Amino acid sequence: KRQKVRQVLIITLILNIIVLALKAVVGIMTGSLSLQAD
């Protein structure tokens, strides 16, 4: 079932990169340590 697992991992990778970018941008803009840690 590796192909099905791979599809899920690719979808979540894209979403996680979006989340990472948003957190990093907001964390740097606000100077929030907790958000940068997040």
PDB file of all heavy atoms in Angstrom:
ATOM      1  N   LYS A   1       0.825  -1.215   0.000  1.00  0.00           N
ATOM      2  CA  LYS A   1       0.000   0.000   0.000  1.00  0.00           C
ATOM      3  C   LYS A   1       0.856   1.262   0.000  1.00  0.00           C
ATOM      4  O   LYS A   1       0.407   2.340   0.358  1.00  0.00           O
ATOM      5  CB  LYS A   1      -0.924   0.001   1.223  1.00  0.00           C
ATOM      6  CG  LYS A   1      -1.895  -1.185   1.235  1.00  0.00           C
ATOM      7  CD  LYS A   1      -2.752  -1.186   2.494  1.00  0.00           C
ATOM      8  CE  LYS A   1      -3.714  -2.376   2.489  1.00  0.00           C
ATOM      9  NZ  LYS A   1      -4.521  -2.435   3.724  1.00  0.00           N
ATOM     10  N   ARG A   2       2.097   1.122  -0.436  1.00  0.00           N
ATOM     11  CA  ARG A   2       3.009   2.257  -0.363  1.00  0.00           C
ATOM     12  C   ARG A   2       2.561   3.438  -1.213  1.00  0.00           C
ATOM     13  O   ARG A   2       2.772   4.594  -0.856  1.00  0.00           O
ATOM     14  CB  ARG A   2       4.420   1.825  -0.764  1.00  0.00           C
ATOM     15  CG  ARG A   2       5.114   0.962   0.284  1.00  0.00           C
ATOM     16  CD  ARG A   2       6.504   0.570  -0.179  1.00  0.00           C
ATOM     17  NE  ARG A   2       6.437  -0.227  -1.398  1.00  0.00           N
ATOM     18  CZ  ARG A   2       7.461  -0.397  -2.227  1.00  0.00           C
ATOM     19  NH1 ARG A   2       8.606   0.197  -1.990  1.00  0.00           N
ATOM     20  NH2 ARG A   2       7.343  -1.157  -3.306  1.00  0.00           N
ATOM     21  N   GLN A   3       1.942   3.172  -2.374  1.00  0.00           N
ATOM     22  CA  GLN A   3       1.522   4.259  -3.249  1.00  0.00           C
ATOM     23  C   GLN A   3       0.482   5.139  -2.556  1.00  0.00           C
ATOM     24  O   GLN A   3       0.534   6.369  -2.642  1.00  0.00           O
ATOM     25  CB  GLN A   3       0.954   3.689  -4.559  1.00  0.00           C
ATOM     26  CG  GLN A   3       0.503   4.744  -5.558  1.00  0.00           C
ATOM     27  CD  GLN A   3       1.622   5.672  -5.991  1.00  0.00           C
ATOM     28  OE1 GLN A   3       2.774   5.251  -6.142  1.00  0.00           O
ATOM     29  NE2 GLN A   3       1.313   6.942  -6.180  1.00  0.00           N
ATOM     30  N   LYS A   4      -0.455   4.512  -1.837  1.00  0.00           N
ATOM     31  CA  LYS A   4      -1.479   5.265  -1.118  1.00  0.00           C
ATOM     32  C   LYS A   4      -0.856   6.082   0.016  1.00  0.00           C
ATOM     33  O   LYS A   4      -1.233   7.231   0.241  1.00  0.00           O
ATOM     34  CB  LYS A   4      -2.545   4.314  -0.568  1.00  0.00           C
ATOM     35  CG  LYS A   4      -3.337   3.589  -1.645  1.00  0.00           C
ATOM     36  CD  LYS A   4      -4.328   2.605  -1.040  1.00  0.00           C
ATOM     37  CE  LYS A   4      -5.082   1.855  -2.130  1.00  0.00           C
ATOM     38  NZ  LYS A   4      -6.010   0.836  -1.566  1.00  0.00           N
ATOM     39  N   VAL A   5       0.093   5.464   0.720  1.00  0.00           N
ATOM     40  CA  VAL A   5       0.784   6.177   1.795  1.00  0.00           C
ATOM     41  C   VAL A   5       1.554   7.363   1.220  1.00  0.00           C
ATOM     42  O   VAL A   5       1.549   8.467   1.780  1.00  0.00           O
ATOM     43  CB  VAL A   5       1.740   5.235   2.557  1.00  0.00           C
ATOM     44  CG1 VAL A   5       2.594   6.015   3.553  1.00  0.00           C
ATOM     45  CG2 VAL A   5       0.951   4.146   3.272  1.00  0.00           C
ATOM     46  N   ARG A   6       2.197   7.144   0.071  1.00  0.00           N
ATOM     47  CA  ARG A   6       2.989   8.201  -0.563  1.00  0.00           C
ATOM     48  C   ARG A   6       2.106   9.388  -0.953  1.00  0.00           C
ATOM     49  O   ARG A   6       2.499  10.551  -0.786  1.00  0.00           O
ATOM     50  CB  ARG A   6       3.704   7.634  -1.789  1.00  0.00           C
ATOM     51  CG  ARG A   6       4.748   8.554  -2.387  1.00  0.00           C
ATOM     52  CD  ARG A   6       5.819   7.792  -3.148  1.00  0.00           C
ATOM     53  NE  ARG A   6       5.295   6.767  -4.021  1.00  0.00           N
ATOM     54  CZ  ARG A   6       5.536   5.466  -3.860  1.00  0.00           C
ATOM     55  NH1 ARG A   6       6.257   5.034  -2.844  1.00  0.00           N
ATOM     56  NH2 ARG A   6       5.042   4.585  -4.704  1.00  0.00           N
ATOM     57  N   GLN A   7       0.917   9.130  -1.455  1.00  0.00           N
ATOM     58  CA  GLN A   7      -0.001  10.206  -1.836  1.00  0.00           C
ATOM     59  C   GLN A   7      -0.360  11.071  -0.626  1.00  0.00           C
ATOM     60  O   GLN A   7      -0.386  12.304  -0.714  1.00  0.00           O
ATOM     61  CB  GLN A   7      -1.265   9.619  -2.459  1.00  0.00           C
ATOM     62  CG  GLN A   7      -1.053   9.014  -3.834  1.00  0.00           C
ATOM     63  CD  GLN A   7      -2.284   8.283  -4.352  1.00  0.00           C
ATOM     64  OE1 GLN A   7      -3.291   8.173  -3.654  1.00  0.00           O
ATOM     65  NE2 GLN A   7      -2.211   7.790  -5.574  1.00  0.00           N
ATOM     66  N   VAL A   8      -0.632  10.410   0.505  1.00  0.00           N
ATOM     67  CA  VAL A   8      -0.978  11.146   1.728  1.00  0.00           C
ATOM     68  C   VAL A   8       0.204  11.992   2.183  1.00  0.00           C
ATOM     69  O   VAL A   8       0.047  13.160   2.573  1.00  0.00           O
ATOM     70  CB  VAL A   8      -1.405  10.169   2.846  1.00  0.00           C
ATOM     71  CG1 VAL A   8      -1.650  10.924   4.152  1.00  0.00           C
ATOM     72  CG2 VAL A   8      -2.657   9.405   2.440  1.00  0.00           C
ATOM     73  N   LEU A   9       1.409  11.428   2.142  1.00  0.00           N
ATOM     74  CA  LEU A   9       2.593  12.156   2.583  1.00  0.00           C
ATOM     75  C   LEU A   9       2.859  13.385   1.716  1.00  0.00           C
ATOM     76  O   LEU A   9       3.275  14.435   2.215  1.00  0.00           O
ATOM     77  CB  LEU A   9       3.809  11.228   2.574  1.00  0.00           C
ATOM     78  CG  LEU A   9       3.843  10.165   3.674  1.00  0.00           C
ATOM     79  CD1 LEU A   9       4.978   9.175   3.421  1.00  0.00           C
ATOM     80  CD2 LEU A   9       3.999  10.804   5.045  1.00  0.00           C
ATOM     81  N   ILE A  10       2.611  13.274   0.419  1.00  0.00           N
ATOM     82  CA  ILE A  10       2.826  14.416  -0.484  1.00  0.00           C
ATOM     83  C   ILE A  10       1.829  15.528  -0.181  1.00  0.00           C
ATOM     84  O   ILE A  10       2.183  16.717  -0.122  1.00  0.00           O
ATOM     85  CB  ILE A  10       2.721  13.959  -1.955  1.00  0.00           C
ATOM     86  CG1 ILE A  10       3.918  13.080  -2.324  1.00  0.00           C
ATOM     87  CG2 ILE A  10       2.681  15.181  -2.886  1.00  0.00           C
ATOM     88  CD1 ILE A  10       3.809  12.427  -3.681  1.00  0.00           C
ATOM     89  N   ILE A  11       0.563  15.158   0.022  1.00  0.00           N
ATOM     90  CA  ILE A  11      -0.470  16.157   0.347  1.00  0.00           C
ATOM     91  C   ILE A  11      -0.133  16.870   1.651  1.00  0.00           C
ATOM     92  O   ILE A  11      -0.174  18.103   1.737  1.00  0.00           O
ATOM     93  CB  ILE A  11      -1.856  15.479   0.452  1.00  0.00           C
ATOM     94  CG1 ILE A  11      -2.311  15.005  -0.929  1.00  0.00           C
ATOM     95  CG2 ILE A  11      -2.891  16.444   1.030  1.00  0.00           C
ATOM     96  CD1 ILE A  11      -3.557  14.125  -0.896  1.00  0.00           C
ATOM     97  N   THR A  12       0.225  16.099   2.672  1.00  0.00           N
ATOM     98  CA  THR A  12       0.526  16.714   3.972  1.00  0.00           C
ATOM     99  C   THR A  12       1.820  17.522   3.924  1.00  0.00           C
ATOM    100  O   THR A  12       1.947  18.529   4.635  1.00  0.00           O
ATOM    101  CB  THR A  12       0.614  15.650   5.080  1.00  0.00           C
ATOM    102  OG1 THR A  12       1.565  14.639   4.703  1.00  0.00           O
ATOM    103  CG2 THR A  12      -0.736  14.987   5.298  1.00  0.00           C
ATOM    104  N   LEU A  13       2.785  17.107   3.090  1.00  0.00           N
ATOM    105  CA  LEU A  13       4.021  17.877   2.945  1.00  0.00           C
ATOM    106  C   LEU A  13       3.718  19.273   2.402  1.00  0.00           C
ATOM    107  O   LEU A  13       4.230  20.280   2.915  1.00  0.00           O
ATOM    108  CB  LEU A  13       4.992  17.147   2.019  1.00  0.00           C
ATOM    109  CG  LEU A  13       6.278  17.907   1.651  1.00  0.00           C
ATOM    110  CD1 LEU A  13       7.085  18.241   2.902  1.00  0.00           C
ATOM    111  CD2 LEU A  13       7.105  17.102   0.655  1.00  0.00           C
ATOM    112  N   ILE A  14       2.879  19.345   1.379  1.00  0.00           N
ATOM    113  CA  ILE A  14       2.511  20.646   0.797  1.00  0.00           C
ATOM    114  C   ILE A  14       1.829  21.525   1.847  1.00  0.00           C
ATOM    115  O   ILE A  14       2.156  22.712   2.000  1.00  0.00           O
ATOM    116  CB  ILE A  14       1.594  20.442  -0.421  1.00  0.00           C
ATOM    117  CG1 ILE A  14       2.362  19.746  -1.549  1.00  0.00           C
ATOM    118  CG2 ILE A  14       1.029  21.779  -0.910  1.00  0.00           C
ATOM    119  CD1 ILE A  14       1.489  19.294  -2.713  1.00  0.00           C
ATOM    120  N   LEU A  15       0.880  20.941   2.587  1.00  0.00           N
ATOM    121  CA  LEU A  15       0.167  21.704   3.617  1.00  0.00           C
ATOM    122  C   LEU A  15       1.110  22.142   4.733  1.00  0.00           C
ATOM    123  O   LEU A  15       1.011  23.275   5.244  1.00  0.00           O
ATOM    124  CB  LEU A  15      -0.982  20.870   4.186  1.00  0.00           C
ATOM    125  CG  LEU A  15      -2.142  20.581   3.220  1.00  0.00           C
ATOM    126  CD1 LEU A  15      -3.151  19.629   3.862  1.00  0.00           C
ATOM    127  CD2 LEU A  15      -2.831  21.878   2.805  1.00  0.00           C
ATOM    128  N   ASN A  16       2.035  21.268   5.125  1.00  0.00           N
ATOM    129  CA  ASN A  16       2.971  21.619   6.197  1.00  0.00           C
ATOM    130  C   ASN A  16       3.934  22.726   5.784  1.00  0.00           C
ATOM    131  O   ASN A  16       4.335  23.557   6.606  1.00  0.00           O
ATOM    132  CB  ASN A  16       3.766  20.380   6.634  1.00  0.00           C
ATOM    133  CG  ASN A  16       2.947  19.450   7.519  1.00  0.00           C
ATOM    134  OD1 ASN A  16       2.064  19.892   8.245  1.00  0.00           O
ATOM    135  ND2 ASN A  16       3.232  18.165   7.455  1.00  0.00           N
ATOM    136  N   ILE A  17       4.314  22.751   4.506  1.00  0.00           N
ATOM    137  CA  ILE A  17       5.187  23.832   4.023  1.00  0.00           C
ATOM    138  C   ILE A  17       4.446  25.171   4.067  1.00  0.00           C
ATOM    139  O   ILE A  17       5.015  26.206   4.440  1.00  0.00           O
ATOM    140  CB  ILE A  17       5.681  23.523   2.593  1.00  0.00           C
ATOM    141  CG1 ILE A  17       6.682  22.351   2.626  1.00  0.00           C
ATOM    142  CG2 ILE A  17       6.322  24.753   1.967  1.00  0.00           C
ATOM    143  CD1 ILE A  17       7.118  21.877   1.256  1.00  0.00           C
ATOM    144  N   ILE A  18       3.154  25.141   3.712  1.00  0.00           N
ATOM    145  CA  ILE A  18       2.336  26.362   3.796  1.00  0.00           C
ATOM    146  C   ILE A  18       2.258  26.844   5.238  1.00  0.00           C
ATOM    147  O   ILE A  18       2.437  28.035   5.535  1.00  0.00           O
ATOM    148  CB  ILE A  18       0.922  26.101   3.230  1.00  0.00           C
ATOM    149  CG1 ILE A  18       0.997  25.840   1.728  1.00  0.00           C
ATOM    150  CG2 ILE A  18       0.004  27.285   3.524  1.00  0.00           C
ATOM    151  CD1 ILE A  18      -0.322  25.379   1.117  1.00  0.00           C
ATOM    152  N   VAL A  19       1.997  25.914   6.164  1.00  0.00           N
ATOM    153  CA  VAL A  19       1.905  26.254   7.585  1.00  0.00           C
ATOM    154  C   VAL A  19       3.234  26.818   8.092  1.00  0.00           C
ATOM    155  O   VAL A  19       3.269  27.834   8.803  1.00  0.00           O
ATOM    156  CB  VAL A  19       1.499  25.011   8.410  1.00  0.00           C
ATOM    157  CG1 VAL A  19       1.746  25.231   9.895  1.00  0.00           C
ATOM    158  CG2 VAL A  19       0.036  24.679   8.164  1.00  0.00           C
ATOM    159  N   LEU A  20       4.325  26.166   7.730  1.00  0.00           N
ATOM    160  CA  LEU A  20       5.660  26.617   8.146  1.00  0.00           C
ATOM    161  C   LEU A  20       5.925  28.043   7.681  1.00  0.00           C
ATOM    162  O   LEU A  20       6.395  28.887   8.448  1.00  0.00           O
ATOM    163  CB  LEU A  20       6.714  25.661   7.588  1.00  0.00           C
ATOM    164  CG  LEU A  20       8.177  26.114   7.649  1.00  0.00           C
ATOM    165  CD1 LEU A  20       8.610  26.347   9.084  1.00  0.00           C
ATOM    166  CD2 LEU A  20       9.078  25.104   6.968  1.00  0.00           C
ATOM    167  N   ALA A  21       5.626  28.320   6.412  1.00  0.00           N
ATOM    168  CA  ALA A  21       5.875  29.656   5.850  1.00  0.00           C
ATOM    169  C   ALA A  21       5.057  30.717   6.574  1.00  0.00           C
ATOM    170  O   ALA A  21       5.581  31.791   6.922  1.00  0.00           O
ATOM    171  CB  ALA A  21       5.559  29.658   4.354  1.00  0.00           C
ATOM    172  N   LEU A  22       3.788  30.417   6.822  1.00  0.00           N
ATOM    173  CA  LEU A  22       2.921  31.383   7.500  1.00  0.00           C
ATOM    174  C   LEU A  22       3.399  31.660   8.928  1.00  0.00           C
ATOM    175  O   LEU A  22       3.451  32.812   9.369  1.00  0.00           O
ATOM    176  CB  LEU A  22       1.478  30.874   7.518  1.00  0.00           C
ATOM    177  CG  LEU A  22       0.751  30.839   6.168  1.00  0.00           C
ATOM    178  CD1 LEU A  22      -0.612  30.170   6.305  1.00  0.00           C
ATOM    179  CD2 LEU A  22       0.587  32.252   5.610  1.00  0.00           C
ATOM    180  N   LYS A  23       3.753  30.593   9.656  1.00  0.00           N
ATOM    181  CA  LYS A  23       4.228  30.776  11.036  1.00  0.00           C
ATOM    182  C   LYS A  23       5.524  31.572  11.077  1.00  0.00           C
ATOM    183  O   LYS A  23       5.712  32.446  11.940  1.00  0.00           O
ATOM    184  CB  LYS A  23       4.441  29.417  11.706  1.00  0.00           C
ATOM    185  CG  LYS A  23       3.167  28.695  12.101  1.00  0.00           C
ATOM    186  CD  LYS A  23       3.493  27.375  12.766  1.00  0.00           C
ATOM    187  CE  LYS A  23       2.235  26.626  13.172  1.00  0.00           C
ATOM    188  NZ  LYS A  23       2.543  25.314  13.779  1.00  0.00           N
ATOM    189  N   ALA A  24       6.435  31.253  10.168  1.00  0.00           N
ATOM    190  CA  ALA A  24       7.726  31.943  10.156  1.00  0.00           C
ATOM    191  C   ALA A  24       7.553  33.430   9.858  1.00  0.00           C
ATOM    192  O   ALA A  24       8.148  34.280  10.530  1.00  0.00           O
ATOM    193  CB  ALA A  24       8.650  31.292   9.126  1.00  0.00           C
ATOM    194  N   VAL A  25       6.728  33.734   8.864  1.00  0.00           N
ATOM    195  CA  VAL A  25       6.513  35.138   8.491  1.00  0.00           C
ATOM    196  C   VAL A  25       5.880  35.915   9.633  1.00  0.00           C
ATOM    197  O   VAL A  25       6.356  36.988  10.023  1.00  0.00           O
ATOM    198  CB  VAL A  25       5.640  35.233   7.219  1.00  0.00           C
ATOM    199  CG1 VAL A  25       5.214  36.678   6.973  1.00  0.00           C
ATOM    200  CG2 VAL A  25       6.409  34.715   6.005  1.00  0.00           C
ATOM    201  N   VAL A  26       4.801  35.383  10.207  1.00  0.00           N
ATOM    202  CA  VAL A  26       4.120  36.070  11.306  1.00  0.00           C
ATOM    203  C   VAL A  26       5.024  36.137  12.540  1.00  0.00           C
ATOM    204  O   VAL A  26       5.049  37.146  13.245  1.00  0.00           O
ATOM    205  CB  VAL A  26       2.782  35.373  11.640  1.00  0.00           C
ATOM    206  CG1 VAL A  26       2.107  36.047  12.836  1.00  0.00           C
ATOM    207  CG2 VAL A  26       1.848  35.405  10.438  1.00  0.00           C
ATOM    208  N   GLY A  27       5.759  35.066  12.820  1.00  0.00           N
ATOM    209  CA  GLY A  27       6.655  35.048  13.975  1.00  0.00           C
ATOM    210  C   GLY A  27       7.732  36.111  13.886  1.00  0.00           C
ATOM    211  O   GLY A  27       8.036  36.793  14.870  1.00  0.00           O
ATOM    212  N   ILE A  28       8.314  36.270  12.690  1.00  0.00           N
ATOM    213  CA  ILE A  28       9.359  37.285  12.504  1.00  0.00           C
ATOM    214  C   ILE A  28       8.759  38.688  12.553  1.00  0.00           C
ATOM    215  O   ILE A  28       9.325  39.607  13.165  1.00  0.00           O
ATOM    216  CB  ILE A  28      10.081  37.052  11.157  1.00  0.00           C
ATOM    217  CG1 ILE A  28      10.883  35.743  11.220  1.00  0.00           C
ATOM    218  CG2 ILE A  28      10.997  38.228  10.834  1.00  0.00           C
ATOM    219  CD1 ILE A  28      11.448  35.302   9.891  1.00  0.00           C
ATOM    220  N   MET A  29       7.582  38.871  11.928  1.00  0.00           N
ATOM    221  CA  MET A  29       6.936  40.194  11.906  1.00  0.00           C
ATOM    222  C   MET A  29       6.555  40.663  13.307  1.00  0.00           C
ATOM    223  O   MET A  29       6.669  41.843  13.633  1.00  0.00           O
ATOM    224  CB  MET A  29       5.694  40.154  11.012  1.00  0.00           C
ATOM    225  CG  MET A  29       5.988  40.051   9.527  1.00  0.00           C
ATOM    226  SD  MET A  29       4.475  39.859   8.546  1.00  0.00           S
ATOM    227  CE  MET A  29       3.578  41.361   8.982  1.00  0.00           C
ATOM    228  N   THR A  30       6.099  39.731  14.141  1.00  0.00           N
ATOM    229  CA  THR A  30       5.633  40.106  15.485  1.00  0.00           C
ATOM    230  C   THR A  30       6.723  40.014  16.543  1.00  0.00           C
ATOM    231  O   THR A  30       6.583  40.578  17.627  1.00  0.00           O
ATOM    232  CB  THR A  30       4.475  39.183  15.906  1.00  0.00           C
ATOM    233  OG1 THR A  30       4.939  37.822  15.951  1.00  0.00           O
ATOM    234  CG2 THR A  30       3.303  39.296  14.934  1.00  0.00           C
ATOM    235  N   GLY A  31       7.810  39.305  16.246  1.00  0.00           N
ATOM    236  CA  GLY A  31       8.856  39.091  17.240  1.00  0.00           C
ATOM    237  C   GLY A  31       8.465  38.084  18.296  1.00  0.00           C
ATOM    238  O   GLY A  31       9.063  38.045  19.381  1.00  0.00           O
ATOM    239  N   SER A  32       7.480  37.221  18.002  1.00  0.00           N
ATOM    240  CA  SER A  32       6.985  36.245  18.976  1.00  0.00           C
ATOM    241  C   SER A  32       7.912  35.035  19.052  1.00  0.00           C
ATOM    242  O   SER A  32       8.064  34.303  18.071  1.00  0.00           O
ATOM    243  CB  SER A  32       5.572  35.796  18.597  1.00  0.00           C
ATOM    244  OG  SER A  32       5.195  34.657  19.351  1.00  0.00           O
ATOM    245  N   LEU A  33       8.509  34.815  20.222  1.00  0.00           N
ATOM    246  CA  LEU A  33       9.374  33.648  20.409  1.00  0.00           C
ATOM    247  C   LEU A  33       8.573  32.360  20.368  1.00  0.00           C
ATOM    248  O   LEU A  33       9.007  31.370  19.777  1.00  0.00           O
ATOM    249  CB  LEU A  33      10.105  33.768  21.749  1.00  0.00           C
ATOM    250  CG  LEU A  33      10.979  32.571  22.132  1.00  0.00           C
ATOM    251  CD1 LEU A  33      12.080  32.362  21.107  1.00  0.00           C
ATOM    252  CD2 LEU A  33      11.565  32.756  23.523  1.00  0.00           C
ATOM    253  N   SER A  34       7.398  32.349  21.000  1.00  0.00           N
ATOM    254  CA  SER A  34       6.598  31.130  21.023  1.00  0.00           C
ATOM    255  C   SER A  34       6.163  30.737  19.613  1.00  0.00           C
ATOM    256  O   SER A  34       6.126  29.553  19.275  1.00  0.00           O
ATOM    257  CB  SER A  34       5.368  31.307  21.930  1.00  0.00           C
ATOM    258  OG  SER A  34       4.526  32.335  21.458  1.00  0.00           O
ATOM    259  N   LEU A  35       5.850  31.739  18.781  1.00  0.00           N
ATOM    260  CA  LEU A  35       5.446  31.434  17.415  1.00  0.00           C
ATOM    261  C   LEU A  35       6.626  30.987  16.566  1.00  0.00           C
ATOM    262  O   LEU A  35       6.503  30.096  15.724  1.00  0.00           O
ATOM    263  CB  LEU A  35       4.760  32.646  16.774  1.00  0.00           C
ATOM    264  CG  LEU A  35       4.105  32.417  15.411  1.00  0.00           C
ATOM    265  CD1 LEU A  35       3.150  31.227  15.456  1.00  0.00           C
ATOM    266  CD2 LEU A  35       3.371  33.672  14.959  1.00  0.00           C
ATOM    267  N   GLN A  36       7.790  31.573  16.798  1.00  0.00           N
ATOM    268  CA  GLN A  36       8.989  31.121  16.086  1.00  0.00           C
ATOM    269  C   GLN A  36       9.347  29.694  16.498  1.00  0.00           C
ATOM    270  O   GLN A  36       9.782  28.886  15.670  1.00  0.00           O
ATOM    271  CB  GLN A  36      10.144  32.073  16.367  1.00  0.00           C
ATOM    272  CG  GLN A  36       9.982  33.444  15.723  1.00  0.00           C
ATOM    273  CD  GLN A  36      11.092  34.399  16.115  1.00  0.00           C
ATOM    274  OE1 GLN A  36      12.259  34.009  16.232  1.00  0.00           O
ATOM    275  NE2 GLN A  36      10.752  35.661  16.318  1.00  0.00           N
ATOM    276  N   ALA A  37       9.174  29.393  17.790  1.00  0.00           N
ATOM    277  CA  ALA A  37       9.402  28.022  18.252  1.00  0.00           C
ATOM    278  C   ALA A  37       8.394  27.075  17.605  1.00  0.00           C
ATOM    279  O   ALA A  37       8.732  25.947  17.233  1.00  0.00           O
ATOM    280  CB  ALA A  37       9.282  27.963  19.772  1.00  0.00           C
ATOM    281  N   ASP A  38       7.160  27.544  17.479  1.00  0.00           N
ATOM    282  CA  ASP A  38       6.126  26.741  16.824  1.00  0.00           C
ATOM    283  C   ASP A  38       6.472  26.515  15.363  1.00  0.00           C
ATOM    284  O   ASP A  38       6.220  25.443  14.804  1.00  0.00           O
ATOM    285  CB  ASP A  38       4.777  27.451  16.970  1.00  0.00           C
ATOM    286  CG  ASP A  38       3.600  26.533  16.669  1.00  0.00           C
ATOM    287  OD1 ASP A  38       3.808  25.300  16.605  1.00  0.00           O
ATOM    288  OD2 ASP A  38       2.482  27.043  16.501  1.00  0.00           O
TER     289      ASP A  38
END
